[in-house]
Amino acid sequence: MTPDTVIAIDSGQTAIKVRLGSEQPLSFPGLRANSSLLPQLADVVGKVAEHAGPGPHKVYVGTCGLTRRDNDPVQLLRLCEQYGVESVILAHDAATSFLGAIGDRRGVVVAAGTGAITLGVGVETIARIDGWGNVIGDAGGGYWIGREALDAVHRAHDGRGPETSLTPVVERRFPDLESAYIELQTDADWVRIVASFAQQVASLAAQDTVAAAICEEAGRQLAHSAATAVERIGEARQENPVISLVGGILSGGAVRQSCVEALQERWPDFAPFPAQGTSLDGAAALGKLDPTHPLFGQIGHATRADRQ
C-alpha cells in the first residue's frame, strides 16, 4: 500500500461501508445502538488495517449517532493509533451525505436510509433537520416506514384497520403476530429488523392502498424536512432550489415520487438535483474541504502531531 492511505468510512445503522484508497468498498455490519460508537469505529479500522498494512493511514469518518459525547476525534485517534493511523477526521453522516451529493455547492440534501436526516447549507447558515433517531424522529426513513407497516398489520389483525397485503409479508418474519412485539423488544438487531420491511412496503405500494398511503406520507415527511431546510438557509425564493434526494429510501419508487410531488406543490419548477456521488465519496472528501466552507467548523480533526 502507498503511504498515507485514506481509509474512508460511511457508518450507518444497517451497514458500515469502507473504502481503502481507490480500492472497491468493503462492507461490515451496521452500528449497534447498545454499544459505544468510537470503539466500534476503531474495530472496523483495525480490520481494514490488517489488509492495508502498517500505515501511515488517514481515517475520514462520516457516521450516524454522533452525539456530543462521541464527537471526539482525539479519542478515536487514540483508539486507532495501534493500527498505524496518523490522523482522523470525524463528521456527522449528514455532512458526508451532503458533500458526496452536491459537493461545495449551497443547497439541501435529504438522506433517507434506515434513518432520515436533512442538511441545508447556505452562504452562512447551516440547518440540520431531523435525524433524531428512531425513538423520536427520522420521519420518512426506513425504520419509520417499517414501523408504520407493523402498526398497520397489527391494526388489521385487531380489526382496527383495513386488511393489507403487508400482513403475509410480516407473518413471514413473525408467524405469530401476537408475539412479534416481544420478539422485537428482546432482539438486539430490532432496528434493522423493523427497517427491513421498508423495501416490501415500497414494492407493494402500486397494489395495496395501505402500503401506498405509508409511502405517500413518508415522501411528504421528507419533503417537509427539505422545505424547512430551504427556508432556514434563505433559499426559498429560488424557483428550483438545489435539493438532492439520496439514500435507499429515495432511490426510486413511491416514496421518491411522493417527495418530489410534495416539493413541486411549493416550487412548480422543482426537479431533484442529481447526486454527484455517495456518502462514502463525501467521507473521502473530508480531507479536501476548504476551511472557508460553512461545514468546516462542524467537522472534528485530530493528528498524532497535535497530541505530541
Protein backbone atom coordinates (compact mmCIF):
# COMPACT_ATOMS: atom_id res chain seq x y z
CA MET A 1 0.00 0.00 0.00
CA THR A 2 1.12 3.55 -0.67
CA PRO A 3 1.96 5.82 2.29
CA ASP A 4 -0.78 7.90 3.89
CA THR A 5 -3.57 5.69 2.60
CA VAL A 6 -7.01 7.18 3.25
CA ILE A 7 -9.49 4.90 4.99
CA ALA A 8 -12.89 6.46 4.24
CA ILE A 9 -15.81 5.25 6.35
CA ASP A 10 -19.56 5.71 5.90
CA SER A 11 -21.02 4.36 9.12
CA GLY A 12 -24.74 3.62 9.39
CA GLN A 13 -27.24 1.51 11.27
CA THR A 14 -27.65 -1.06 8.51
CA ALA A 15 -24.05 -1.29 7.30
CA ILE A 16 -20.62 0.30 7.68
CA LYS A 17 -19.02 0.88 4.29
CA VAL A 18 -15.29 1.40 3.98
CA ARG A 19 -13.06 2.35 1.09
CA LEU A 20 -9.31 1.93 1.34
CA GLY A 21 -7.63 4.36 -1.03
CA SER A 22 -9.02 3.69 -4.51
CA GLU A 23 -10.00 0.07 -3.84
CA GLN A 24 -13.52 -1.30 -4.06
CA PRO A 25 -15.62 -0.61 -0.93
CA LEU A 26 -15.86 -3.15 1.86
CA SER A 27 -18.96 -3.70 3.97
CA PHE A 28 -19.27 -4.51 7.66
CA PRO A 29 -22.31 -4.98 9.93
CA GLY A 30 -24.00 -1.75 10.97
CA LEU A 31 -23.59 0.10 14.23
CA ARG A 32 -25.01 -1.43 17.37
CA ALA A 33 -27.15 1.11 19.21
CA ASN A 34 -26.44 -0.54 22.57
CA SER A 35 -22.63 -0.16 22.29
CA SER A 36 -20.27 2.81 22.38
CA LEU A 37 -19.72 4.38 18.97
CA LEU A 38 -15.98 5.10 18.85
CA PRO A 39 -14.78 1.60 19.81
CA GLN A 40 -16.99 0.17 17.06
CA LEU A 41 -15.42 2.51 14.51
CA ALA A 42 -11.93 1.69 15.76
CA ASP A 43 -12.68 -2.02 15.46
CA VAL A 44 -13.58 -1.55 11.79
CA VAL A 45 -10.42 0.48 11.22
CA GLY A 46 -8.42 -2.35 12.76
CA LYS A 47 -9.95 -4.93 10.44
CA VAL A 48 -9.24 -2.79 7.38
CA ALA A 49 -5.72 -2.02 8.56
CA GLU A 50 -4.92 -5.73 8.63
CA HIS A 51 -5.34 -5.64 4.86
CA ALA A 52 -3.83 -2.18 4.39
CA GLY A 53 -0.53 -2.83 6.12
CA PRO A 54 1.33 -0.85 8.78
CA GLY A 55 0.46 2.64 7.50
CA PRO A 56 0.63 5.52 7.94
CA HIS A 57 -3.11 5.92 7.40
CA LYS A 58 -5.59 8.75 7.49
CA VAL A 59 -9.11 7.92 8.69
CA TYR A 60 -12.04 10.02 7.45
CA VAL A 61 -15.37 9.10 9.02
CA GLY A 62 -18.96 10.11 8.42
CA THR A 63 -21.25 8.42 10.95
CA CYS A 64 -24.76 8.46 12.29
CA GLY A 65 -25.29 8.56 16.04
CA LEU A 66 -22.57 11.15 16.57
CA THR A 67 -23.56 12.58 19.94
CA ARG A 68 -21.74 15.44 21.63
CA ARG A 69 -20.01 12.90 23.87
CA ASP A 70 -18.81 10.76 20.95
CA ASN A 71 -17.74 13.69 18.76
CA ASP A 72 -14.16 13.25 19.91
CA PRO A 73 -11.66 12.74 17.07
CA VAL A 74 -8.77 12.76 19.55
CA GLN A 75 -10.22 9.75 21.35
CA LEU A 76 -10.87 7.95 18.06
CA LEU A 77 -7.28 8.61 17.01
CA ARG A 78 -6.06 7.25 20.34
CA LEU A 79 -8.05 4.05 19.73
CA CYS A 80 -6.71 3.75 16.17
CA GLU A 81 -3.04 4.62 16.65
CA GLN A 82 -2.14 0.96 17.15
CA TYR A 83 -3.23 0.36 13.54
CA GLY A 84 -0.86 2.93 12.07
CA VAL A 85 -3.35 5.79 11.93
CA GLU A 86 -1.72 9.22 11.88
CA SER A 87 -4.80 11.44 11.64
CA VAL A 88 -8.57 11.34 11.99
CA ILE A 89 -11.39 13.49 10.64
CA LEU A 90 -14.76 12.81 12.25
CA ALA A 91 -18.09 14.13 10.95
CA HIS A 92 -21.79 13.51 11.19
CA ASP A 93 -23.06 11.48 8.24
CA ALA A 94 -25.32 14.38 7.30
CA ALA A 95 -22.18 16.31 6.36
CA THR A 96 -20.70 13.47 4.31
CA SER A 97 -24.03 12.80 2.58
CA PHE A 98 -24.11 16.48 1.69
CA LEU A 99 -20.54 16.58 0.39
CA GLY A 100 -20.99 13.40 -1.59
CA ALA A 101 -24.22 14.56 -3.19
CA ILE A 102 -23.62 18.21 -4.03
CA GLY A 103 -20.01 18.97 -3.04
CA ASP A 104 -19.25 22.58 -2.16
CA ARG A 105 -22.49 23.98 -3.59
CA ARG A 106 -25.06 25.63 -1.38
CA GLY A 107 -28.28 23.68 -1.09
CA VAL A 108 -30.08 20.87 0.71
CA VAL A 109 -29.52 17.13 0.88
CA VAL A 110 -32.19 14.76 2.17
CA ALA A 111 -30.66 11.41 3.14
CA ALA A 112 -33.07 8.58 3.92
CA GLY A 113 -31.84 5.09 4.70
CA THR A 114 -32.63 3.29 7.94
CA GLY A 115 -32.90 6.77 9.45
CA ALA A 116 -33.55 10.13 7.85
CA ILE A 117 -31.75 13.43 8.11
CA THR A 118 -31.73 16.63 6.09
CA LEU A 119 -28.89 19.14 5.91
CA GLY A 120 -29.06 22.58 4.37
CA VAL A 121 -26.02 24.76 3.77
CA GLY A 122 -26.46 28.40 2.78
CA VAL A 123 -23.97 31.18 2.30
CA GLU A 124 -23.51 31.48 6.05
CA THR A 125 -26.20 29.31 7.62
CA ILE A 126 -26.37 25.58 8.30
CA ALA A 127 -29.70 23.90 9.04
CA ARG A 128 -29.97 20.35 10.34
CA ILE A 129 -33.47 18.92 10.17
CA ASP A 130 -34.47 15.69 11.94
CA GLY A 131 -32.02 12.83 12.21
CA TRP A 132 -33.19 12.48 15.81
CA GLY A 133 -33.18 8.69 15.81
CA ASN A 134 -35.90 6.08 15.62
CA VAL A 135 -37.34 6.78 19.06
CA ILE A 136 -38.32 10.41 18.44
CA GLY A 137 -37.54 11.23 14.81
CA ASP A 138 -36.20 10.05 11.43
CA ALA A 139 -39.59 10.73 9.84
CA GLY A 140 -39.90 9.10 6.44
CA GLY A 141 -36.85 6.86 6.85
CA GLY A 142 -36.68 3.09 6.59
CA TYR A 143 -37.34 2.42 10.26
CA TRP A 144 -40.26 4.86 10.23
CA ILE A 145 -41.77 3.08 7.21
CA GLY A 146 -41.22 -0.36 8.72
CA ARG A 147 -42.78 0.70 11.99
CA GLU A 148 -45.80 2.09 10.14
CA ALA A 149 -46.13 -1.24 8.32
CA LEU A 150 -46.04 -3.21 11.56
CA ASP A 151 -48.61 -0.87 13.06
CA ALA A 152 -50.90 -1.27 10.03
CA VAL A 153 -50.62 -5.06 10.11
CA HIS A 154 -51.47 -5.21 13.80
CA ARG A 155 -54.36 -2.83 13.35
CA ALA A 156 -55.72 -5.12 10.66
CA HIS A 157 -55.16 -8.10 12.95
CA ASP A 158 -57.17 -6.39 15.69
CA GLY A 159 -59.92 -5.25 13.35
CA ARG A 160 -58.97 -1.58 13.92
CA GLY A 161 -57.73 -1.06 10.39
CA PRO A 162 -58.16 -2.25 6.79
CA GLU A 163 -56.83 -5.52 5.51
CA THR A 164 -53.47 -5.20 3.81
CA SER A 165 -51.11 -7.26 1.66
CA LEU A 166 -48.43 -6.34 4.19
CA THR A 167 -49.82 -8.93 6.60
CA PRO A 168 -48.33 -12.02 4.90
CA VAL A 169 -45.06 -10.12 4.49
CA VAL A 170 -44.82 -9.53 8.22
CA GLU A 171 -46.05 -13.04 9.03
CA ARG A 172 -43.11 -14.50 7.11
CA ARG A 173 -40.87 -12.91 9.75
CA PHE A 174 -43.29 -13.24 12.68
CA PRO A 175 -45.64 -16.20 12.14
CA ASP A 176 -47.31 -15.42 15.47
CA LEU A 177 -48.24 -11.74 15.12
CA GLU A 178 -49.27 -11.53 18.74
CA SER A 179 -45.74 -12.27 19.92
CA ALA A 180 -43.97 -10.03 17.38
CA TYR A 181 -43.58 -7.16 19.83
CA ILE A 182 -41.91 -9.41 22.39
CA GLU A 183 -39.53 -10.83 19.80
CA LEU A 184 -38.56 -7.34 18.67
CA GLN A 185 -38.04 -5.96 22.15
CA THR A 186 -35.68 -8.82 23.02
CA ASP A 187 -33.68 -8.78 19.76
CA ALA A 188 -30.54 -6.62 19.74
CA ASP A 189 -30.99 -6.21 15.98
CA TRP A 190 -34.52 -4.81 16.26
CA VAL A 191 -33.83 -1.53 14.46
CA ARG A 192 -32.61 -3.25 11.32
CA ILE A 193 -35.41 -5.82 11.51
CA VAL A 194 -38.07 -3.11 11.57
CA ALA A 195 -36.36 -1.12 8.81
CA SER A 196 -36.10 -4.22 6.64
CA PHE A 197 -39.84 -4.06 5.94
CA ALA A 198 -39.47 -0.74 4.11
CA GLN A 199 -38.46 -2.41 0.86
CA GLN A 200 -41.55 -4.63 0.84
CA VAL A 201 -43.78 -1.65 1.62
CA ALA A 202 -42.37 0.17 -1.42
CA SER A 203 -42.80 -2.88 -3.67
CA LEU A 204 -46.45 -3.27 -2.66
CA ALA A 205 -47.38 0.41 -2.99
CA ALA A 206 -48.74 0.00 -6.52
CA GLN A 207 -51.26 -2.65 -5.48
CA ASP A 208 -52.00 -2.11 -1.79
CA THR A 209 -53.69 1.05 -0.53
CA VAL A 210 -52.18 0.74 2.95
CA ALA A 211 -48.63 0.43 1.60
CA ALA A 212 -49.32 3.28 -0.83
CA ALA A 213 -50.50 5.53 1.99
CA ILE A 214 -47.39 4.77 4.06
CA CYS A 215 -45.11 5.60 1.12
CA GLU A 216 -47.01 8.78 0.32
CA GLU A 217 -46.76 10.02 3.89
CA ALA A 218 -43.07 9.08 4.10
CA GLY A 219 -42.42 11.16 0.99
CA ARG A 220 -44.33 14.10 2.34
CA GLN A 221 -42.47 13.95 5.64
CA LEU A 222 -39.14 14.04 3.80
CA ALA A 223 -40.34 16.87 1.57
CA HIS A 224 -41.39 18.84 4.63
CA SER A 225 -37.89 18.44 6.07
CA ALA A 226 -36.38 19.55 2.76
CA ALA A 227 -38.61 22.63 2.50
CA THR A 228 -37.87 23.58 6.10
CA ALA A 229 -34.14 23.42 5.41
CA VAL A 230 -34.53 25.57 2.26
CA GLU A 231 -36.38 28.17 4.32
CA ARG A 232 -33.79 28.19 7.09
CA ILE A 233 -30.81 28.71 4.77
CA GLY A 234 -32.56 31.57 2.94
CA GLU A 235 -33.07 29.87 -0.44
CA ALA A 236 -36.87 29.71 -0.52
CA ARG A 237 -37.21 32.37 -3.22
CA GLN A 238 -35.43 30.19 -5.76
CA GLU A 239 -37.69 28.79 -8.49
CA ASN A 240 -35.84 25.47 -8.34
CA PRO A 241 -33.78 25.27 -5.14
CA VAL A 242 -30.90 22.81 -5.05
CA ILE A 243 -32.30 19.76 -3.26
CA SER A 244 -30.72 16.34 -3.68
CA LEU A 245 -32.58 13.22 -2.57
CA VAL A 246 -30.26 10.37 -1.57
CA GLY A 247 -30.30 7.05 0.26
CA GLY A 248 -32.03 3.77 -0.41
CA ILE A 249 -35.49 5.01 0.56
CA LEU A 250 -35.27 7.81 -2.01
CA SER A 251 -33.58 5.82 -4.76
CA GLY A 252 -36.85 5.46 -6.65
CA GLY A 253 -40.43 4.32 -6.39
CA ALA A 254 -43.40 5.63 -4.47
CA VAL A 255 -41.57 7.44 -1.66
CA ARG A 256 -39.38 9.44 -4.03
CA GLN A 257 -42.34 10.24 -6.25
CA SER A 258 -44.38 11.46 -3.29
CA CYS A 259 -41.47 13.59 -2.05
CA VAL A 260 -40.93 15.21 -5.44
CA GLU A 261 -44.64 15.90 -5.94
CA ALA A 262 -44.89 17.49 -2.49
CA LEU A 263 -41.93 19.77 -3.27
CA GLN A 264 -43.46 20.69 -6.62
CA GLU A 265 -46.54 21.92 -4.76
CA ARG A 266 -44.21 24.53 -3.25
CA TRP A 267 -41.91 25.05 -6.26
CA PRO A 268 -43.67 24.04 -9.52
CA ASP A 269 -40.36 24.02 -11.43
CA PHE A 270 -38.64 21.80 -8.90
CA ALA A 271 -36.54 18.88 -10.11
CA PRO A 272 -34.19 17.00 -7.77
CA PHE A 273 -30.52 17.85 -8.12
CA PRO A 274 -28.73 14.69 -9.30
CA ALA A 275 -26.39 13.34 -6.66
CA GLN A 276 -22.78 13.64 -7.78
CA GLY A 277 -21.58 10.82 -5.53
CA THR A 278 -22.25 8.80 -2.39
CA SER A 279 -21.79 9.32 1.33
CA LEU A 280 -18.59 7.30 1.05
CA ASP A 281 -17.36 9.79 -1.55
CA GLY A 282 -18.32 12.52 0.91
CA ALA A 283 -16.25 10.88 3.64
CA ALA A 284 -13.26 10.65 1.32
CA ALA A 285 -13.69 14.36 0.52
CA LEU A 286 -13.44 15.47 4.15
CA GLY A 287 -9.69 15.94 3.89
CA LYS A 288 -10.09 18.36 0.97
CA LEU A 289 -12.80 20.56 2.50
CA ASP A 290 -11.95 24.25 2.25
CA PRO A 291 -11.62 25.89 5.69
CA THR A 292 -13.95 28.66 4.46
CA HIS A 293 -16.79 26.21 3.82
CA PRO A 294 -19.62 26.55 6.36
CA LEU A 295 -19.34 22.84 7.22
CA PHE A 296 -15.67 23.01 8.13
CA GLY A 297 -16.39 24.15 11.68
CA GLN A 298 -18.75 21.19 12.17
CA ILE A 299 -16.03 18.63 11.50
CA GLY A 300 -13.52 17.34 14.06
CA HIS A 301 -9.82 16.95 13.26
CA ALA A 302 -7.02 15.22 15.16
CA THR A 303 -3.47 14.34 14.22
CA ARG A 304 -0.78 12.45 16.06
CA ALA A 305 1.41 15.56 15.87
CA ASP A 306 -1.27 17.55 17.73
CA ARG A 307 -1.05 15.11 20.63
CA GLN A 308 2.71 15.31 20.98
